[in-house]
Every structure is written in C-alpha cells, then in structure tokens.
Amino acid sequence: MLYPADSDPKFAGRGYDQGYLTSVPGGRGEMFYSAIADPRTIASDEARKDVISGTFMLDGIGELGAPSGANQSNLVNEPVLLVSGEQDALYCGHDLTTHPTSGLSFLAINQWIGR
C-alpha cells in the first residue's frame, strides 16, 4: 500500500508535496516479495525505499491499460526480453537480483543475449 511520502517518518519534513508517494512502513515485503524471500533482503529494501510521483505512477498504469493499438510499446520494433516472476503483482525488475533464483534468471538473460 502506498501513502503520501510526507506522512512517512523517513521522508517527513523533506518538502515532498501530497503528490509524492511511498510504501507504508513495513509494507514492502507484502508488496514486492514472495513468502520465500529472505527477511534480511526485505529489511534492506525497506531501509532503502524511496518516493514515486503519483503522476508518474498513474501514467504507467494508464499505459498498462491502453489498448494494444494505442500502447506506447508498439513503437518498439526490436526483440525484447521480459523476465517476470510467477507471483509478481507488477513488473519490478530491480528486485530480480535479490531473488533466491536469480542465478537461473541471469542464465536465461545471458542465453537470450548470446542468441
């Protein structure tokens, strides 16, 4: 769950307006990780969390909901590899390296690059 960044102890008093959001304290595990995630990884992510502009996030959500003919990704005309987890609620590639099966992902990525 996200809420205004200026309501979060980590970001309070830093001048963020109500349009900037962050995850609620302790909420990143449920939002971004599976049940097998290492609690130390989740704690590290929680300590390093940041903010996102609500406008930027809504633009991204709008792109996801755009009909295929109007989606910006139609402008890409080169091969694309997307690695997404079975339990991913949304695509968040930065978490790939922290997953216990990251070695398998990197193997697949390297094989794709070398094709």
Protein backbone atom coordinates (compact mmCIF):
# COMPACT_ATOMS: atom_id res chain seq x y z
CA MET A 1 0.00 0.00 0.00
CA LEU A 2 1.21 3.49 -0.83
CA TYR A 3 0.57 6.70 1.04
CA PRO A 4 1.84 10.33 0.91
CA ALA A 5 5.61 10.44 1.38
CA ASP A 6 5.40 13.39 3.76
CA SER A 7 3.40 11.16 6.15
CA ASP A 8 6.28 8.68 6.35
CA PRO A 9 8.85 9.16 9.15
CA LYS A 10 11.67 8.65 6.64
CA PHE A 11 10.52 11.50 4.38
CA ALA A 12 8.60 13.84 6.72
CA GLY A 13 9.87 17.41 6.63
CA ARG A 14 11.78 16.96 3.37
CA GLY A 15 9.42 19.13 1.35
CA TYR A 16 7.52 16.48 -0.60
CA ASP A 17 4.02 17.55 -1.58
CA GLN A 18 0.98 15.27 -1.38
CA GLY A 19 1.63 14.04 -4.92
CA TYR A 20 4.67 12.02 -3.87
CA LEU A 21 4.05 8.53 -2.54
CA THR A 22 5.97 5.80 -0.75
CA SER A 23 5.16 2.42 0.74
CA VAL A 24 3.73 2.27 4.25
CA PRO A 25 6.34 1.29 6.85
CA GLY A 26 6.77 -2.47 6.85
CA GLY A 27 4.68 -2.88 3.69
CA ARG A 28 7.34 -3.67 1.09
CA GLY A 29 7.52 -7.38 1.89
CA GLU A 30 3.88 -7.92 1.04
CA MET A 31 4.03 -5.61 -1.99
CA PHE A 32 7.19 -6.87 -3.67
CA TYR A 33 8.29 -10.24 -2.28
CA SER A 34 7.13 -13.84 -2.15
CA ALA A 35 6.80 -15.90 1.00
CA ILE A 36 10.27 -17.44 0.45
CA ALA A 37 12.08 -14.09 0.36
CA ASP A 38 14.94 -13.64 2.81
CA PRO A 39 13.74 -11.32 5.61
CA ARG A 40 17.13 -9.56 5.51
CA THR A 41 16.53 -8.65 1.86
CA ILE A 42 13.12 -7.23 2.68
CA ALA A 43 14.57 -5.25 5.62
CA SER A 44 17.32 -3.87 3.38
CA ASP A 45 14.77 -2.84 0.76
CA GLU A 46 12.62 -1.21 3.42
CA ALA A 47 15.61 0.79 4.69
CA ARG A 48 16.42 2.00 1.16
CA LYS A 49 12.89 2.74 -0.04
CA ASP A 50 12.26 5.94 -1.95
CA VAL A 51 9.37 8.01 -3.27
CA ILE A 52 7.49 8.00 -6.55
CA SER A 53 5.49 10.77 -8.14
CA GLY A 54 1.82 9.87 -8.17
CA THR A 55 1.56 11.40 -11.66
CA PHE A 56 4.38 9.21 -12.95
CA MET A 57 2.77 6.13 -11.42
CA LEU A 58 -0.64 6.94 -12.90
CA ASP A 59 0.93 7.47 -16.32
CA GLY A 60 2.43 3.99 -16.08
CA ILE A 61 -0.86 2.45 -15.01
CA GLY A 62 -2.53 4.23 -17.93
CA GLU A 63 -0.02 2.64 -20.33
CA LEU A 64 -0.82 -0.80 -18.92
CA GLY A 65 -4.50 -0.26 -19.60
CA ALA A 66 -4.08 1.22 -23.08
CA PRO A 67 -5.49 -0.88 -25.93
CA SER A 68 -2.78 -2.74 -27.83
CA GLY A 69 -3.02 -0.42 -30.83
CA ALA A 70 -2.55 2.68 -28.68
CA ASN A 71 0.11 1.34 -26.32
CA GLN A 72 3.46 3.12 -26.48
CA SER A 73 5.28 -0.22 -26.56
CA ASN A 74 4.02 -0.66 -30.13
CA LEU A 75 6.79 1.75 -31.11
CA VAL A 76 9.43 -0.83 -30.12
CA ASN A 77 10.46 -2.83 -33.16
CA GLU A 78 13.37 -4.82 -31.72
CA PRO A 79 13.35 -8.05 -29.72
CA VAL A 80 12.61 -7.55 -26.02
CA LEU A 81 13.15 -9.95 -23.13
CA LEU A 82 10.95 -9.50 -20.09
CA VAL A 83 11.70 -11.58 -17.01
CA SER A 84 8.72 -11.67 -14.70
CA GLY A 85 8.11 -13.86 -11.67
CA GLU A 86 5.23 -16.25 -11.30
CA GLN A 87 3.96 -14.36 -8.25
CA ASP A 88 4.76 -10.82 -9.41
CA ALA A 89 1.85 -8.45 -8.93
CA LEU A 90 3.62 -5.88 -11.09
CA TYR A 91 6.84 -5.78 -13.05
CA CYS A 92 9.67 -4.53 -10.88
CA GLY A 93 12.96 -5.59 -12.43
CA HIS A 94 15.12 -4.14 -9.68
CA ASP A 95 14.11 -6.98 -7.37
CA LEU A 96 15.35 -9.64 -9.77
CA THR A 97 18.86 -9.72 -8.30
CA THR A 98 17.61 -10.30 -4.76
CA HIS A 99 15.52 -13.39 -5.54
CA PRO A 100 16.82 -16.82 -4.50
CA THR A 101 16.58 -17.99 -8.14
CA SER A 102 18.45 -15.00 -9.59
CA GLY A 103 21.12 -17.33 -10.99
CA LEU A 104 18.53 -19.00 -13.21
CA SER A 105 17.28 -15.63 -14.38
CA PHE A 106 20.79 -14.46 -15.24
CA LEU A 107 21.44 -17.69 -17.12
CA ALA A 108 18.30 -17.14 -19.21
CA ILE A 109 19.25 -13.49 -19.81
CA ASN A 110 22.76 -14.40 -20.93
CA GLN A 111 21.43 -17.10 -23.24
CA TRP A 112 18.99 -14.60 -24.76
CA ILE A 113 21.73 -12.01 -25.26
CA GLY A 114 24.00 -14.59 -26.90
CA ARG A 115 21.38 -15.83 -29.35
